[in-house]
Amino acid sequence: MPRLMLTDQRWQKLLQVMKSTGRIYNKPEHRMTFEGILYRLRTGIPWRDLPTEFGGWSTIYRRFNLWSKKGLLNNLFNELAKLADYDWVFADGSIVKAHQHSTGAATSDNECIGKSRGGNSTKIHLAVDSEGLPIYFELSEGQRNDIARAQSLVDHLQEVNIFVGDKGYDSDALREYIEARGGISVIPKRNYGQDIDKESVDWCLYKYRHLVENAFARIKHYRSISTRYEKLARNYASMVSLAFSMMWLPMYC
């Protein structure tokens, strides 16, 4: 039997949240289907190569695709993230290499896959709370600057207290936007050759920005996250939501 990831207690918590959405019923086979999706998340293997102990690969994939369409896995992450501590929020972006199998989706959209000198890639824009746990994320093409999604990250925070980012978020417009929401920004300025007031940044707080880097490091242990295999942006976003949900589960049980 392949290694499983869920204890009985954690599965009951996940099932409780998923049933609360009103979009699934309590079917006995759902647990092994969920374990099959987690196995794919962890190993990154093709869906067709899933061990038969989880059930038919086609059934598992179709269930995952259906849950992705319904936004079930995104809702799962959002529900678990309600325990977030908004005293400090750390933001950053991380580029993920897109596998050749992820390109060529039959849609008019680019599916958040960008082309650059480094090849096809997707970027995850993430905000984490004071404990380094994920609050909200968005996907974009890999070549997009962090500042392009910064305001959207701020908009999706329940509270705006202290927002910490690196020089990629250096923008007076962003600082003013955060202040207008009642928050404080801790964002160092780029050096363009002029004198910079280094005392204007709380460097003691800034050094804790590694918390958002740690969150990226944790989810990139999953091979389906560190390399993008999904053709559709919503399916890859569902995988990322599932990875973040696994970070939150220990906070509940």
C-alpha atoms as a PDB file:
ATOM      1  CA  MET A   1       0.000   0.000   0.000  1.00  0.00           C
ATOM      2  CA  PRO A   2       1.463   3.430  -0.915  1.00  0.00           C
ATOM      3  CA  ARG A   3       2.218   5.817   1.930  1.00  0.00           C
ATOM      4  CA  LEU A   4      -0.829   7.824   3.034  1.00  0.00           C
ATOM      5  CA  MET A   5      -0.825  11.403   4.336  1.00  0.00           C
ATOM      6  CA  LEU A   6      -4.017  11.765   6.363  1.00  0.00           C
ATOM      7  CA  THR A   7      -4.800  10.579   9.883  1.00  0.00           C
ATOM      8  CA  ASP A   8      -8.420   9.829  10.765  1.00  0.00           C
ATOM      9  CA  GLN A   9      -8.648  13.075  12.714  1.00  0.00           C
ATOM     10  CA  ARG A  10      -7.329  15.206   9.881  1.00  0.00           C
ATOM     11  CA  TRP A  11      -9.550  13.535   7.314  1.00  0.00           C
ATOM     12  CA  GLN A  12     -12.596  14.225   9.471  1.00  0.00           C
ATOM     13  CA  LYS A  13     -11.609  17.904   9.628  1.00  0.00           C
ATOM     14  CA  LEU A  14     -11.194  18.092   5.849  1.00  0.00           C
ATOM     15  CA  LEU A  15     -14.465  16.238   5.273  1.00  0.00           C
ATOM     16  CA  GLN A  16     -16.290  18.568   7.659  1.00  0.00           C
ATOM     17  CA  VAL A  17     -15.063  21.639   5.781  1.00  0.00           C
ATOM     18  CA  MET A  18     -15.802  20.179   2.342  1.00  0.00           C
ATOM     19  CA  LYS A  19     -19.328  19.111   3.350  1.00  0.00           C
ATOM     20  CA  SER A  20     -19.988  22.605   4.730  1.00  0.00           C
ATOM     21  CA  THR A  21     -19.647  23.988   1.186  1.00  0.00           C
ATOM     22  CA  GLY A  22     -22.713  21.978   0.161  1.00  0.00           C
ATOM     23  CA  ARG A  23     -20.899  20.769  -2.953  1.00  0.00           C
ATOM     24  CA  ILE A  24     -20.051  17.183  -1.981  1.00  0.00           C
ATOM     25  CA  TYR A  25     -21.740  14.362  -0.107  1.00  0.00           C
ATOM     26  CA  ASN A  26     -20.151  12.081   2.460  1.00  0.00           C
ATOM     27  CA  LYS A  27     -19.213   9.146   0.222  1.00  0.00           C
ATOM     28  CA  PRO A  28     -16.889   6.415   1.596  1.00  0.00           C
ATOM     29  CA  GLU A  29     -14.683   6.462  -1.505  1.00  0.00           C
ATOM     30  CA  HIS A  30     -13.859  10.164  -1.119  1.00  0.00           C
ATOM     31  CA  ARG A  31     -11.073   9.513   1.378  1.00  0.00           C
ATOM     32  CA  MET A  32      -9.055   7.271  -0.945  1.00  0.00           C
ATOM     33  CA  THR A  33      -9.764   9.637  -3.834  1.00  0.00           C
ATOM     34  CA  PHE A  34      -8.368  12.490  -1.730  1.00  0.00           C
ATOM     35  CA  GLU A  35      -5.339  10.372  -0.796  1.00  0.00           C
ATOM     36  CA  GLY A  36      -4.797   9.646  -4.505  1.00  0.00           C
ATOM     37  CA  ILE A  37      -4.796  13.389  -5.250  1.00  0.00           C
ATOM     38  CA  LEU A  38      -2.337  13.950  -2.386  1.00  0.00           C
ATOM     39  CA  TYR A  39      -0.120  11.169  -3.768  1.00  0.00           C
ATOM     40  CA  ARG A  40      -0.102  12.918  -7.148  1.00  0.00           C
ATOM     41  CA  LEU A  41       0.639  16.227  -5.379  1.00  0.00           C
ATOM     42  CA  ARG A  42       3.585  14.703  -3.537  1.00  0.00           C
ATOM     43  CA  THR A  43       5.152  12.690  -6.365  1.00  0.00           C
ATOM     44  CA  GLY A  44       4.202  14.588  -9.531  1.00  0.00           C
ATOM     45  CA  ILE A  45       3.644  11.378 -11.486  1.00  0.00           C
ATOM     46  CA  PRO A  46       1.247  11.271 -14.472  1.00  0.00           C
ATOM     47  CA  TRP A  47      -2.357  10.645 -13.450  1.00  0.00           C
ATOM     48  CA  ARG A  48      -2.348   7.382 -15.424  1.00  0.00           C
ATOM     49  CA  ASP A  49       0.440   6.033 -13.203  1.00  0.00           C
ATOM     50  CA  LEU A  50      -1.432   6.398  -9.914  1.00  0.00           C
ATOM     51  CA  PRO A  51      -1.337   3.160  -7.865  1.00  0.00           C
ATOM     52  CA  THR A  52      -4.530   1.170  -8.190  1.00  0.00           C
ATOM     53  CA  GLU A  53      -4.886   1.057  -4.381  1.00  0.00           C
ATOM     54  CA  PHE A  54      -6.379   4.552  -4.603  1.00  0.00           C
ATOM     55  CA  GLY A  55      -8.896   3.501  -7.234  1.00  0.00           C
ATOM     56  CA  GLY A  56      -9.051   4.031 -10.976  1.00  0.00           C
ATOM     57  CA  TRP A  57      -6.823   6.867 -12.141  1.00  0.00           C
ATOM     58  CA  SER A  58      -9.532   8.226 -14.432  1.00  0.00           C
ATOM     59  CA  THR A  59     -12.010   8.409 -11.547  1.00  0.00           C
ATOM     60  CA  ILE A  60      -9.503  10.244  -9.348  1.00  0.00           C
ATOM     61  CA  TYR A  61      -8.560  12.712 -12.070  1.00  0.00           C
ATOM     62  CA  ARG A  62     -12.186  13.414 -12.998  1.00  0.00           C
ATOM     63  CA  ARG A  63     -13.015  13.964  -9.334  1.00  0.00           C
ATOM     64  CA  PHE A  64     -10.062  16.347  -8.945  1.00  0.00           C
ATOM     65  CA  ASN A  65     -11.051  18.233 -12.096  1.00  0.00           C
ATOM     66  CA  LEU A  66     -14.660  18.501 -10.882  1.00  0.00           C
ATOM     67  CA  TRP A  67     -13.579  19.755  -7.443  1.00  0.00           C
ATOM     68  CA  SER A  68     -11.287  22.241  -9.181  1.00  0.00           C
ATOM     69  CA  LYS A  69     -14.157  23.524 -11.355  1.00  0.00           C
ATOM     70  CA  LYS A  70     -16.325  23.964  -8.272  1.00  0.00           C
ATOM     71  CA  GLY A  71     -13.517  25.783  -6.439  1.00  0.00           C
ATOM     72  CA  LEU A  72     -13.753  23.206  -3.653  1.00  0.00           C
ATOM     73  CA  LEU A  73     -10.021  22.971  -2.930  1.00  0.00           C
ATOM     74  CA  ASN A  74      -9.661  26.759  -2.973  1.00  0.00           C
ATOM     75  CA  ASN A  75     -12.578  27.018  -0.549  1.00  0.00           C
ATOM     76  CA  LEU A  76     -10.899  24.409   1.646  1.00  0.00           C
ATOM     77  CA  PHE A  77      -7.747  26.514   1.888  1.00  0.00           C
ATOM     78  CA  ASN A  78      -9.687  29.736   2.511  1.00  0.00           C
ATOM     79  CA  GLU A  79     -11.711  28.113   5.296  1.00  0.00           C
ATOM     80  CA  LEU A  80      -8.652  26.690   7.056  1.00  0.00           C
ATOM     81  CA  ALA A  81      -6.838  30.041   6.726  1.00  0.00           C
ATOM     82  CA  LYS A  82      -9.479  31.816   8.818  1.00  0.00           C
ATOM     83  CA  LEU A  83      -7.234  31.311  11.863  1.00  0.00           C
ATOM     84  CA  ALA A  84      -4.612  33.639  10.351  1.00  0.00           C
ATOM     85  CA  ASP A  85      -2.907  36.241  12.537  1.00  0.00           C
ATOM     86  CA  TYR A  86      -2.844  39.548  10.641  1.00  0.00           C
ATOM     87  CA  ASP A  87      -0.515  41.527  12.936  1.00  0.00           C
ATOM     88  CA  TRP A  88       2.300  41.125  10.426  1.00  0.00           C
ATOM     89  CA  VAL A  89       1.864  40.093   6.794  1.00  0.00           C
ATOM     90  CA  PHE A  90       4.814  39.068   4.645  1.00  0.00           C
ATOM     91  CA  ALA A  91       4.584  38.990   0.851  1.00  0.00           C
ATOM     92  CA  ASP A  92       6.748  37.638  -1.930  1.00  0.00           C
ATOM     93  CA  GLY A  93       6.642  35.876  -5.281  1.00  0.00           C
ATOM     94  CA  SER A  94       8.275  32.646  -6.432  1.00  0.00           C
ATOM     95  CA  ILE A  95       8.784  31.376  -9.965  1.00  0.00           C
ATOM     96  CA  VAL A  96       7.893  27.785 -10.861  1.00  0.00           C
ATOM     97  CA  LYS A  97       9.182  26.075 -13.975  1.00  0.00           C
ATOM     98  CA  ALA A  98       6.385  24.927 -16.266  1.00  0.00           C
ATOM     99  CA  HIS A  99       6.890  21.421 -17.680  1.00  0.00           C
ATOM    100  CA  GLN A 100       6.460  21.015 -21.440  1.00  0.00           C
ATOM    101  CA  HIS A 101       3.348  18.894 -20.752  1.00  0.00           C
ATOM    102  CA  SER A 102       1.670  21.896 -19.118  1.00  0.00           C
ATOM    103  CA  THR A 103       1.712  23.965 -22.301  1.00  0.00           C
ATOM    104  CA  GLY A 104      -0.657  23.762 -25.209  1.00  0.00           C
ATOM    105  CA  ALA A 105      -3.992  23.973 -23.399  1.00  0.00           C
ATOM    106  CA  ALA A 106      -6.827  24.432 -25.892  1.00  0.00           C
ATOM    107  CA  THR A 107      -7.935  27.788 -24.489  1.00  0.00           C
ATOM    108  CA  SER A 108      -7.596  31.387 -25.624  1.00  0.00           C
ATOM    109  CA  ASP A 109      -5.973  32.299 -22.287  1.00  0.00           C
ATOM    110  CA  ASN A 110      -2.258  31.901 -21.553  1.00  0.00           C
ATOM    111  CA  GLU A 111      -3.213  29.970 -18.374  1.00  0.00           C
ATOM    112  CA  CYS A 112      -0.664  31.970 -16.324  1.00  0.00           C
ATOM    113  CA  ILE A 113       2.282  30.534 -18.247  1.00  0.00           C
ATOM    114  CA  GLY A 114       4.773  33.122 -19.414  1.00  0.00           C
ATOM    115  CA  LYS A 115       7.649  32.859 -21.839  1.00  0.00           C
ATOM    116  CA  SER A 116      11.056  34.321 -21.067  1.00  0.00           C
ATOM    117  CA  ARG A 117      14.732  33.536 -21.596  1.00  0.00           C
ATOM    118  CA  GLY A 118      14.442  30.969 -18.815  1.00  0.00           C
ATOM    119  CA  GLY A 119      11.639  29.133 -20.618  1.00  0.00           C
ATOM    120  CA  ASN A 120       7.974  28.652 -19.667  1.00  0.00           C
ATOM    121  CA  SER A 121       7.153  29.529 -16.074  1.00  0.00           C
ATOM    122  CA  THR A 122       4.432  30.539 -13.617  1.00  0.00           C
ATOM    123  CA  LYS A 123       4.778  32.819 -10.606  1.00  0.00           C
ATOM    124  CA  ILE A 124       3.036  32.334  -7.262  1.00  0.00           C
ATOM    125  CA  HIS A 125       2.330  35.613  -5.434  1.00  0.00           C
ATOM    126  CA  LEU A 126       1.841  34.852  -1.739  1.00  0.00           C
ATOM    127  CA  ALA A 127       0.991  36.594   1.527  1.00  0.00           C
ATOM    128  CA  VAL A 128       1.633  34.823   4.841  1.00  0.00           C
ATOM    129  CA  ASP A 129       0.652  35.765   8.382  1.00  0.00           C
ATOM    130  CA  SER A 130       2.732  36.429  11.501  1.00  0.00           C
ATOM    131  CA  GLU A 131       3.338  32.693  11.955  1.00  0.00           C
ATOM    132  CA  GLY A 132       4.401  32.133   8.357  1.00  0.00           C
ATOM    133  CA  LEU A 133       1.146  30.415   7.406  1.00  0.00           C
ATOM    134  CA  PRO A 134      -0.390  31.213   4.002  1.00  0.00           C
ATOM    135  CA  ILE A 135      -3.292  33.655   3.824  1.00  0.00           C
ATOM    136  CA  TYR A 136      -3.845  34.354   0.134  1.00  0.00           C
ATOM    137  CA  PHE A 137      -2.122  33.700  -3.182  1.00  0.00           C
ATOM    138  CA  GLU A 138      -2.489  34.462  -6.864  1.00  0.00           C
ATOM    139  CA  LEU A 139      -0.895  33.099 -10.021  1.00  0.00           C
ATOM    140  CA  SER A 140       0.605  35.049 -12.897  1.00  0.00           C
ATOM    141  CA  GLU A 141       2.983  34.566 -15.779  1.00  0.00           C
ATOM    142  CA  GLY A 142       6.513  33.926 -14.580  1.00  0.00           C
ATOM    143  CA  GLN A 143       7.954  37.176 -15.950  1.00  0.00           C
ATOM    144  CA  ARG A 144       5.523  39.422 -14.039  1.00  0.00           C
ATOM    145  CA  ASN A 145       7.020  41.681 -11.380  1.00  0.00           C
ATOM    146  CA  ASP A 146       5.951  41.198  -7.767  1.00  0.00           C
ATOM    147  CA  ILE A 147       4.546  44.733  -7.655  1.00  0.00           C
ATOM    148  CA  ALA A 148       1.992  43.841 -10.370  1.00  0.00           C
ATOM    149  CA  ARG A 149      -0.059  41.806  -7.874  1.00  0.00           C
ATOM    150  CA  ALA A 150       0.869  43.635  -4.657  1.00  0.00           C
ATOM    151  CA  GLN A 151      -2.280  45.751  -4.445  1.00  0.00           C
ATOM    152  CA  SER A 152      -4.453  42.703  -5.034  1.00  0.00           C
ATOM    153  CA  LEU A 153      -2.710  40.891  -2.165  1.00  0.00           C
ATOM    154  CA  VAL A 154      -3.472  43.840   0.112  1.00  0.00           C
ATOM    155  CA  ASP A 155      -7.104  43.938  -1.060  1.00  0.00           C
ATOM    156  CA  HIS A 156      -7.646  40.314  -0.023  1.00  0.00           C
ATOM    157  CA  LEU A 157      -6.393  40.755   3.544  1.00  0.00           C
ATOM    158  CA  GLN A 158      -9.049  40.856   6.254  1.00  0.00           C
ATOM    159  CA  GLU A 159      -6.873  43.329   8.161  1.00  0.00           C
ATOM    160  CA  VAL A 160      -4.012  45.558   7.052  1.00  0.00           C
ATOM    161  CA  ASN A 161      -1.647  46.261   9.946  1.00  0.00           C
ATOM    162  CA  ILE A 162       2.000  45.838   8.943  1.00  0.00           C
ATOM    163  CA  PHE A 163       2.855  44.771   5.396  1.00  0.00           C
ATOM    164  CA  VAL A 164       6.421  43.554   4.856  1.00  0.00           C
ATOM    165  CA  GLY A 165       7.974  43.056   1.426  1.00  0.00           C
ATOM    166  CA  ASP A 166      11.351  43.160  -0.280  1.00  0.00           C
ATOM    167  CA  LYS A 167      12.610  45.691  -2.834  1.00  0.00           C
ATOM    168  CA  GLY A 168      10.397  44.090  -5.472  1.00  0.00           C
ATOM    169  CA  TYR A 169       7.508  45.937  -3.770  1.00  0.00           C
ATOM    170  CA  ASP A 170       9.279  49.311  -3.763  1.00  0.00           C
ATOM    171  CA  SER A 171       6.526  51.670  -4.886  1.00  0.00           C
ATOM    172  CA  ASP A 172       5.330  54.924  -3.344  1.00  0.00           C
ATOM    173  CA  ALA A 173       1.868  54.205  -4.746  1.00  0.00           C
ATOM    174  CA  LEU A 174       1.763  50.888  -2.875  1.00  0.00           C
ATOM    175  CA  ARG A 175       2.952  52.507   0.362  1.00  0.00           C
ATOM    176  CA  GLU A 176       0.234  55.148   0.072  1.00  0.00           C
ATOM    177  CA  TYR A 177      -2.367  52.471  -0.676  1.00  0.00           C
ATOM    178  CA  ILE A 178      -1.385  50.516   2.440  1.00  0.00           C
ATOM    179  CA  GLU A 179      -1.500  53.689   4.560  1.00  0.00           C
ATOM    180  CA  ALA A 180      -4.952  54.504   3.143  1.00  0.00           C
ATOM    181  CA  ARG A 181      -6.100  51.091   4.403  1.00  0.00           C
ATOM    182  CA  GLY A 182      -4.783  51.972   7.874  1.00  0.00           C
ATOM    183  CA  GLY A 183      -1.608  49.907   7.663  1.00  0.00           C
ATOM    184  CA  ILE A 184       2.150  50.410   7.828  1.00  0.00           C
ATOM    185  CA  SER A 185       4.548  49.288   5.098  1.00  0.00           C
ATOM    186  CA  VAL A 186       8.016  47.888   5.755  1.00  0.00           C
ATOM    187  CA  ILE A 187       9.527  47.940   2.265  1.00  0.00           C
ATOM    188  CA  PRO A 188      13.137  49.004   1.592  1.00  0.00           C
ATOM    189  CA  LYS A 189      13.879  51.340  -1.293  1.00  0.00           C
ATOM    190  CA  ARG A 190      15.962  50.417  -4.293  1.00  0.00           C
ATOM    191  CA  ASN A 191      19.290  52.189  -4.647  1.00  0.00           C
ATOM    192  CA  TYR A 192      19.181  54.235  -7.843  1.00  0.00           C
ATOM    193  CA  GLY A 193      22.388  56.100  -7.044  1.00  0.00           C
ATOM    194  CA  GLN A 194      20.854  58.563  -4.635  1.00  0.00           C
ATOM    195  CA  ASP A 195      21.209  58.669  -0.866  1.00  0.00           C
ATOM    196  CA  ILE A 196      18.671  56.456   0.925  1.00  0.00           C
ATOM    197  CA  ASP A 197      17.497  56.907   4.487  1.00  0.00           C
ATOM    198  CA  LYS A 198      18.192  53.403   5.801  1.00  0.00           C
ATOM    199  CA  GLU A 199      16.626  54.272   9.137  1.00  0.00           C
ATOM    200  CA  SER A 200      13.218  54.582   7.458  1.00  0.00           C
ATOM    201  CA  VAL A 201      12.807  50.778   7.482  1.00  0.00           C
ATOM    202  CA  ASP A 202      12.299  48.586  10.520  1.00  0.00           C
ATOM    203  CA  TRP A 203      15.142  46.154   9.770  1.00  0.00           C
ATOM    204  CA  CYS A 204      14.463  44.151  12.918  1.00  0.00           C
ATOM    205  CA  LEU A 205      11.002  43.275  11.597  1.00  0.00           C
ATOM    206  CA  TYR A 206      12.211  42.972   8.006  1.00  0.00           C
ATOM    207  CA  LYS A 207      14.532  40.085   8.878  1.00  0.00           C
ATOM    208  CA  TYR A 208      11.458  37.944   9.653  1.00  0.00           C
ATOM    209  CA  ARG A 209      10.567  38.098   5.961  1.00  0.00           C
ATOM    210  CA  HIS A 210      12.158  34.654   5.718  1.00  0.00           C
ATOM    211  CA  LEU A 211       8.763  33.323   6.888  1.00  0.00           C
ATOM    212  CA  VAL A 212       7.295  33.744   3.417  1.00  0.00           C
ATOM    213  CA  GLU A 213      10.386  32.126   1.888  1.00  0.00           C
ATOM    214  CA  ASN A 214       9.922  29.214   4.295  1.00  0.00           C
ATOM    215  CA  ALA A 215       6.331  28.780   3.101  1.00  0.00           C
ATOM    216  CA  PHE A 216       7.515  28.493  -0.502  1.00  0.00           C
ATOM    217  CA  ALA A 217      10.200  26.019   0.545  1.00  0.00           C
ATOM    218  CA  ARG A 218       7.621  23.838   2.294  1.00  0.00           C
ATOM    219  CA  ILE A 219       5.175  23.572  -0.600  1.00  0.00           C
ATOM    220  CA  LYS A 220       7.970  23.000  -3.106  1.00  0.00           C
ATOM    221  CA  HIS A 221       8.682  19.715  -1.364  1.00  0.00           C
ATOM    222  CA  TYR A 222       5.651  18.593  -3.368  1.00  0.00           C
ATOM    223  CA  ARG A 223       6.823  17.807  -6.879  1.00  0.00           C
ATOM    224  CA  SER A 224       3.509  18.857  -8.454  1.00  0.00           C
ATOM    225  CA  ILE A 225       4.160  22.351  -7.055  1.00  0.00           C
ATOM    226  CA  SER A 226       7.907  22.730  -7.672  1.00  0.00           C
ATOM    227  CA  THR A 227       7.271  21.867 -11.333  1.00  0.00           C
ATOM    228  CA  ARG A 228       3.992  22.786 -12.967  1.00  0.00           C
ATOM    229  CA  TYR A 229       2.441  19.877 -14.858  1.00  0.00           C
ATOM    230  CA  GLU A 230      -1.160  21.126 -14.998  1.00  0.00           C
ATOM    231  CA  LYS A 231      -2.329  22.657 -18.264  1.00  0.00           C
ATOM    232  CA  LEU A 232      -5.096  24.767 -16.703  1.00  0.00           C
ATOM    233  CA  ALA A 233      -4.307  27.600 -14.305  1.00  0.00           C
ATOM    234  CA  ARG A 234      -7.307  26.687 -12.137  1.00  0.00           C
ATOM    235  CA  ASN A 235      -6.046  23.110 -11.740  1.00  0.00           C
ATOM    236  CA  TYR A 236      -2.574  24.264 -10.764  1.00  0.00           C
ATOM    237  CA  ALA A 237      -4.121  26.798  -8.364  1.00  0.00           C
ATOM    238  CA  SER A 238      -6.139  23.947  -6.842  1.00  0.00           C
ATOM    239  CA  MET A 239      -2.926  21.969  -6.304  1.00  0.00           C
ATOM    240  CA  VAL A 240      -1.311  24.987  -4.641  1.00  0.00           C
ATOM    241  CA  SER A 241      -4.404  25.454  -2.445  1.00  0.00           C
ATOM    242  CA  LEU A 242      -4.198  21.802  -1.432  1.00  0.00           C
ATOM    243  CA  ALA A 243      -0.511  22.184  -0.510  1.00  0.00           C
ATOM    244  CA  PHE A 244      -1.294  25.245   1.615  1.00  0.00           C
ATOM    245  CA  SER A 245      -4.210  23.406   3.240  1.00  0.00           C
ATOM    246  CA  MET A 246      -1.788  20.699   4.346  1.00  0.00           C
ATOM    247  CA  MET A 247       0.249  23.408   6.062  1.00  0.00           C
ATOM    248  CA  TRP A 248      -2.823  24.557   7.999  1.00  0.00           C
ATOM    249  CA  LEU A 249      -4.112  21.137   9.066  1.00  0.00           C
ATOM    250  CA  PRO A 250      -1.712  20.704  12.042  1.00  0.00           C
ATOM    251  CA  MET A 251      -3.150  23.924  13.497  1.00  0.00           C
ATOM    252  CA  TYR A 252      -6.505  22.140  13.895  1.00  0.00           C
ATOM    253  CA  CYS A 253      -5.566  18.559  14.806  1.00  0.00           C
END
